[in-house]
Amino acid sequence: MSDSENKTYTIYILSDSTGETAATMIRAALVQYSSKDINIIRCKNVRTETQAEAIIEECFERRGMLVYTMASQLLRNKIREMASGKGLPYFDLLGPLLGTLDTFFGEHSESHVGALRAVDERYFKRIEAIEYTVKHDDGKTFAELDKADIVLVGISRTSKTPLSIFLSHKGWKVANVPLVLDTPLPEELFKIDQRRIVGLIIDMDSLQRIRKSRLEKFGQDPGGEYASMAHIAKEIEYAEKIFKQNRRWPVFNVTERALEENASEIVRIIAARLGLPDSVIF
């Protein structure tokens, strides 16, 4: 086995914020070098020449590579000079992009230190929301229901899951709870902030059409009880009874409306009930 096969390669990431964006890009590129033993060291909140110099010295001692994302052009230039002076391989992830954008816009960019932090935080919030929503889809679990931003309640095929997933990609943690004929709702639902709960309803003709189409898609008999008008009427009647018993829940009719339109209206309702700023509405 050669020395290169035994070698551990070290890549230092310098960032004026969290460095997560740079780390994600590096890991994506390193997929092409899966046979290599690679150690990534992320150095966060590097905002002075002194901080950068100490890290570059450590990188030099370990014969590593340097990757950096800095909003400040002065600090980018200094890092380049120090790395070049020590013969270190280096790559500026942000500088070339900002340079191209400067040319495109015809003006110099503003050096907002830590500007990528907001992007990182939005990204992680969205991922967390998606994970929560998938876990709490269709009443799979009622654990941590109190952590939901929005809870959707409705009978089968009232767009609970599509709406939940769409909203989660906007950063909202959504749980959805199915209304099953003559089945009591979980106690956990009544222990959370009732302002976060939205009921979903749909007209009978649309629901029957949707259910029949779904059954046919999966090669099942569309003439069964699930898609029968009599059964659907009972389910809708049961849903309306539940919603009348819980008048604090706004009830939203999803009939013949686009998913994005429904999601936007639900966010508008929740924002108004919780006193959230208009900026959360999309």
Protein backbone atom coordinates (compact mmCIF):
# COMPACT_ATOMS: atom_id res chain seq x y z
CA MET A 1 0.00 0.00 0.00
CA SER A 2 1.44 3.41 -1.02
CA ASP A 3 1.95 6.38 1.31
CA SER A 4 -0.77 8.30 -0.54
CA GLU A 5 -3.26 5.56 0.28
CA ASN A 6 -2.42 5.87 4.00
CA LYS A 7 -2.43 9.66 4.06
CA THR A 8 -5.07 11.72 5.84
CA TYR A 9 -5.87 14.92 3.98
CA THR A 10 -7.00 17.96 5.98
CA ILE A 11 -9.19 20.74 4.62
CA TYR A 12 -9.68 23.89 6.70
CA ILE A 13 -12.83 25.92 6.11
CA LEU A 14 -12.70 29.55 7.21
CA SER A 15 -15.95 31.47 7.42
CA ASP A 16 -17.14 34.76 8.90
CA SER A 17 -20.38 32.97 9.87
CA THR A 18 -21.17 29.29 10.47
CA GLY A 19 -19.31 27.82 7.50
CA GLU A 20 -22.11 25.34 6.88
CA THR A 21 -22.67 26.51 3.31
CA ALA A 22 -18.99 26.02 2.48
CA ALA A 23 -18.92 22.65 4.24
CA THR A 24 -21.93 21.48 2.22
CA MET A 25 -20.25 22.46 -1.05
CA ILE A 26 -16.97 20.81 -0.08
CA ARG A 27 -18.67 17.57 0.92
CA ALA A 28 -20.54 17.52 -2.37
CA ALA A 29 -17.26 17.84 -4.27
CA LEU A 30 -15.51 15.23 -2.10
CA VAL A 31 -17.95 12.57 -3.25
CA GLN A 32 -15.57 12.30 -6.22
CA TYR A 33 -12.74 11.32 -3.84
CA SER A 34 -14.46 8.66 -1.74
CA SER A 35 -11.30 6.54 -1.49
CA LYS A 36 -9.42 9.31 0.33
CA ASP A 37 -9.25 9.75 4.10
CA ILE A 38 -10.28 13.39 4.50
CA ASN A 39 -10.61 15.45 7.66
CA ILE A 40 -12.64 18.67 7.44
CA ILE A 41 -12.03 21.33 10.08
CA ARG A 42 -14.60 24.10 10.12
CA CYS A 43 -13.48 27.42 11.64
CA LYS A 44 -16.48 29.66 12.37
CA ASN A 45 -16.77 33.42 12.94
CA VAL A 46 -13.31 34.27 11.56
CA ARG A 47 -13.43 38.04 11.25
CA THR A 48 -9.92 39.35 11.91
CA GLU A 49 -6.51 38.91 10.31
CA THR A 50 -5.15 37.62 13.62
CA GLN A 51 -7.74 34.82 13.73
CA ALA A 52 -7.08 33.92 10.11
CA GLU A 53 -3.31 33.95 10.56
CA ALA A 54 -3.44 31.47 13.46
CA ILE A 55 -5.61 29.07 11.46
CA ILE A 56 -3.44 29.35 8.37
CA GLU A 57 -0.37 28.57 10.46
CA GLU A 58 -2.07 25.44 11.82
CA CYS A 59 -3.12 24.47 8.29
CA PHE A 60 0.48 24.89 7.14
CA GLU A 61 1.80 22.66 9.92
CA ARG A 62 -0.68 19.94 8.93
CA ARG A 63 0.00 20.42 5.21
CA GLY A 64 -3.66 21.02 4.61
CA MET A 65 -5.78 22.90 2.11
CA LEU A 66 -7.64 26.13 2.78
CA VAL A 67 -11.18 27.00 1.66
CA TYR A 68 -12.80 30.24 2.75
CA THR A 69 -16.00 32.29 2.49
CA MET A 70 -15.55 35.90 3.56
CA ALA A 71 -17.73 38.89 2.80
CA SER A 72 -14.86 41.31 3.45
CA GLN A 73 -12.68 41.78 0.39
CA LEU A 74 -9.81 43.02 2.56
CA LEU A 75 -9.87 39.84 4.64
CA ARG A 76 -10.16 37.67 1.52
CA ASN A 77 -7.11 39.39 0.05
CA LYS A 78 -5.15 38.96 3.29
CA ILE A 79 -5.99 35.25 3.52
CA ARG A 80 -4.93 34.78 -0.09
CA GLU A 81 -1.61 36.53 0.57
CA MET A 82 -0.87 34.51 3.72
CA ALA A 83 -1.83 31.18 2.14
CA SER A 84 0.13 31.92 -1.02
CA GLY A 85 3.13 32.99 1.02
CA LYS A 86 3.21 29.60 2.74
CA GLY A 87 2.59 27.66 -0.44
CA LEU A 88 -0.78 26.40 0.76
CA PRO A 89 -3.42 25.33 -1.74
CA TYR A 90 -6.41 27.62 -1.22
CA PHE A 91 -9.78 28.39 -2.77
CA ASP A 92 -12.00 31.41 -2.31
CA LEU A 93 -15.60 30.18 -2.60
CA LEU A 94 -17.34 33.54 -2.33
CA GLY A 95 -14.92 36.03 -3.92
CA PRO A 96 -15.26 35.00 -7.59
CA LEU A 97 -19.06 35.00 -7.31
CA LEU A 98 -19.11 38.46 -5.74
CA GLY A 99 -16.72 39.69 -8.45
CA THR A 100 -19.00 38.42 -11.19
CA LEU A 101 -22.04 39.95 -9.49
CA ASP A 102 -20.20 43.29 -9.17
CA THR A 103 -19.66 43.23 -12.93
CA PHE A 104 -23.26 42.22 -13.59
CA PHE A 105 -24.76 44.92 -11.35
CA GLY A 106 -22.15 47.53 -12.18
CA GLU A 107 -21.36 48.25 -8.55
CA HIS A 108 -19.35 46.87 -5.64
CA SER A 109 -21.00 44.49 -3.17
CA GLU A 110 -21.51 45.47 0.44
CA SER A 111 -19.37 43.52 2.90
CA HIS A 112 -21.95 42.12 5.28
CA VAL A 113 -19.96 40.02 7.73
CA GLY A 114 -21.85 36.87 8.59
CA ALA A 115 -24.25 37.40 5.70
CA LEU A 116 -24.40 33.68 4.99
CA ARG A 117 -25.53 32.96 8.53
CA ALA A 118 -29.12 33.94 7.70
CA VAL A 119 -29.05 31.59 4.70
CA ASP A 120 -27.72 28.76 6.87
CA GLU A 121 -30.37 29.37 9.53
CA ARG A 122 -33.19 29.38 6.97
CA TYR A 123 -31.84 26.17 5.45
CA PHE A 124 -31.70 24.35 8.79
CA LYS A 125 -35.11 25.65 9.80
CA ARG A 126 -36.57 24.26 6.60
CA ILE A 127 -34.88 20.87 7.02
CA GLU A 128 -36.09 20.67 10.63
CA ALA A 129 -39.62 21.57 9.53
CA ILE A 130 -39.64 18.91 6.80
CA GLU A 131 -38.38 16.22 9.18
CA TYR A 132 -40.99 17.15 11.77
CA THR A 133 -43.79 17.21 9.22
CA VAL A 134 -42.96 13.83 7.71
CA LYS A 135 -42.82 12.32 11.18
CA HIS A 136 -46.22 13.80 12.10
CA ASP A 137 -48.04 13.00 8.86
CA ASP A 138 -51.52 11.46 9.01
CA GLY A 139 -51.51 10.99 12.77
CA LYS A 140 -48.40 8.76 12.81
CA THR A 141 -47.46 10.18 16.18
CA PHE A 142 -48.84 12.77 18.58
CA ALA A 143 -45.57 13.13 20.48
CA GLU A 144 -44.32 16.73 20.49
CA LEU A 145 -47.57 17.92 18.92
CA ASP A 146 -47.09 21.11 20.93
CA LYS A 147 -44.05 21.93 18.76
CA ALA A 148 -46.14 22.17 15.60
CA ASP A 149 -46.54 25.60 14.04
CA ILE A 150 -49.71 24.44 12.32
CA VAL A 151 -51.98 21.43 12.88
CA LEU A 152 -54.35 20.42 10.09
CA VAL A 153 -57.44 18.34 10.90
CA GLY A 154 -59.67 16.76 8.27
CA ILE A 155 -61.14 13.61 6.79
CA SER A 156 -59.27 11.54 4.23
CA ARG A 157 -58.34 13.26 0.94
CA THR A 158 -58.77 16.83 2.07
CA SER A 159 -55.17 17.61 1.02
CA LYS A 160 -53.74 17.29 4.54
CA THR A 161 -50.47 15.65 3.47
CA PRO A 162 -49.77 17.75 0.32
CA LEU A 163 -50.48 20.94 2.25
CA SER A 164 -48.32 19.82 5.16
CA ILE A 165 -45.34 19.00 2.94
CA PHE A 166 -45.69 22.21 0.94
CA LEU A 167 -45.82 24.31 4.12
CA SER A 168 -42.84 22.45 5.62
CA HIS A 169 -40.74 23.47 2.61
CA LYS A 170 -41.61 27.05 3.57
CA GLY A 171 -40.20 26.41 7.05
CA TRP A 172 -43.43 25.57 8.93
CA LYS A 173 -43.60 22.56 11.21
CA VAL A 174 -46.92 20.94 10.37
CA ALA A 175 -48.76 18.01 11.93
CA ASN A 176 -51.90 16.64 10.36
CA VAL A 177 -54.53 14.64 12.19
CA PRO A 178 -57.09 12.49 10.34
CA LEU A 179 -60.77 12.64 11.20
CA VAL A 180 -62.03 9.06 11.17
CA LEU A 181 -65.76 8.44 11.36
CA ASP A 182 -66.96 7.89 14.94
CA THR A 183 -63.36 7.82 16.25
CA PRO A 184 -62.48 10.28 19.05
CA LEU A 185 -59.68 12.72 18.34
CA PRO A 186 -56.45 12.27 20.35
CA GLU A 187 -56.33 13.98 23.74
CA GLU A 188 -53.01 15.59 22.80
CA LEU A 189 -54.82 17.75 20.24
CA PHE A 190 -56.72 19.59 22.96
CA LYS A 191 -53.63 20.26 25.09
CA ILE A 192 -51.85 22.43 22.53
CA ASP A 193 -52.39 26.05 21.49
CA GLN A 194 -55.79 25.88 19.78
CA ARG A 195 -54.97 28.93 17.66
CA ARG A 196 -52.61 26.75 15.62
CA ILE A 197 -55.29 24.26 14.55
CA VAL A 198 -57.08 24.53 11.21
CA GLY A 199 -59.94 22.32 10.06
CA LEU A 200 -60.14 21.25 6.42
CA ILE A 201 -63.39 20.56 4.61
CA ILE A 202 -64.36 19.75 1.02
CA ASP A 203 -67.62 19.35 -0.88
CA MET A 204 -69.02 15.88 -1.44
CA ASP A 205 -68.86 15.75 -5.24
CA SER A 206 -65.21 16.79 -5.33
CA LEU A 207 -64.29 14.35 -2.58
CA GLN A 208 -66.01 11.45 -4.32
CA ARG A 209 -64.22 12.27 -7.59
CA ILE A 210 -60.84 12.44 -5.84
CA ARG A 211 -61.37 9.19 -3.95
CA LYS A 212 -62.55 7.28 -7.02
CA SER A 213 -59.57 8.53 -9.01
CA ARG A 214 -57.19 7.43 -6.27
CA LEU A 215 -58.72 3.96 -6.03
CA GLU A 216 -58.54 3.52 -9.81
CA LYS A 217 -54.92 4.67 -9.81
CA PHE A 218 -54.00 1.86 -7.43
CA GLY A 219 -56.13 -0.72 -9.22
CA GLN A 220 -58.78 -0.91 -6.50
CA ASP A 221 -62.57 -1.04 -6.79
CA PRO A 222 -63.87 2.54 -7.02
CA GLY A 223 -67.37 1.36 -6.17
CA GLY A 224 -66.62 0.50 -2.55
CA GLU A 225 -67.74 2.26 0.59
CA TYR A 226 -64.70 4.60 0.70
CA ALA A 227 -65.89 6.43 -2.43
CA SER A 228 -69.63 6.00 -1.97
CA MET A 229 -71.66 9.19 -1.65
CA ALA A 230 -73.55 7.84 1.37
CA HIS A 231 -70.33 7.14 3.29
CA ILE A 232 -68.78 10.46 2.25
CA ALA A 233 -71.89 12.29 3.47
CA LYS A 234 -71.52 10.64 6.88
CA GLU A 235 -67.82 11.58 7.07
CA ILE A 236 -68.45 15.20 6.16
CA GLU A 237 -71.33 15.38 8.62
CA TYR A 238 -69.03 13.96 11.31
CA ALA A 239 -66.32 16.48 10.44
CA GLU A 240 -68.77 19.37 10.61
CA LYS A 241 -69.97 18.12 14.00
CA ILE A 242 -66.36 18.07 15.29
CA PHE A 243 -65.69 21.55 13.95
CA LYS A 244 -68.88 22.92 15.59
CA GLN A 245 -67.69 21.46 18.90
CA ASN A 246 -64.36 23.25 18.46
CA ARG A 247 -65.35 26.68 17.26
CA ARG A 248 -61.89 28.08 17.97
CA TRP A 249 -60.62 26.19 14.91
CA PRO A 250 -61.04 28.09 11.65
CA VAL A 251 -62.42 25.76 8.98
CA PHE A 252 -60.95 26.07 5.50
CA ASN A 253 -62.67 24.75 2.39
CA VAL A 254 -60.11 23.25 -0.02
CA THR A 255 -62.61 22.48 -2.81
CA GLU A 256 -61.27 23.19 -6.32
CA ARG A 257 -58.49 25.44 -5.07
CA ALA A 258 -54.79 25.28 -5.93
CA LEU A 259 -52.46 23.88 -3.30
CA GLU A 260 -50.36 27.06 -3.17
CA GLU A 261 -53.49 29.18 -2.72
CA ASN A 262 -54.73 26.99 0.12
CA ALA A 263 -51.33 27.01 1.83
CA SER A 264 -51.02 30.79 1.57
CA GLU A 265 -54.48 31.30 3.04
CA ILE A 266 -53.78 28.91 5.92
CA VAL A 267 -50.58 30.81 6.76
CA ARG A 268 -52.52 34.07 6.59
CA ILE A 269 -55.07 32.69 9.07
CA ILE A 270 -52.41 31.40 11.48
CA ALA A 271 -50.37 34.61 11.24
CA ALA A 272 -53.44 36.70 12.09
CA ARG A 273 -54.36 34.46 15.03
CA LEU A 274 -50.82 34.48 16.47
CA GLY A 275 -50.03 38.11 15.71
CA LEU A 276 -47.15 37.22 13.36
CA PRO A 277 -45.75 39.81 10.91
CA ASP A 278 -47.03 39.92 7.33
CA SER A 279 -43.54 38.90 6.16
CA VAL A 280 -44.32 35.25 7.01
CA ILE A 281 -47.10 35.22 4.40
CA PHE A 282 -46.02 34.05 0.96
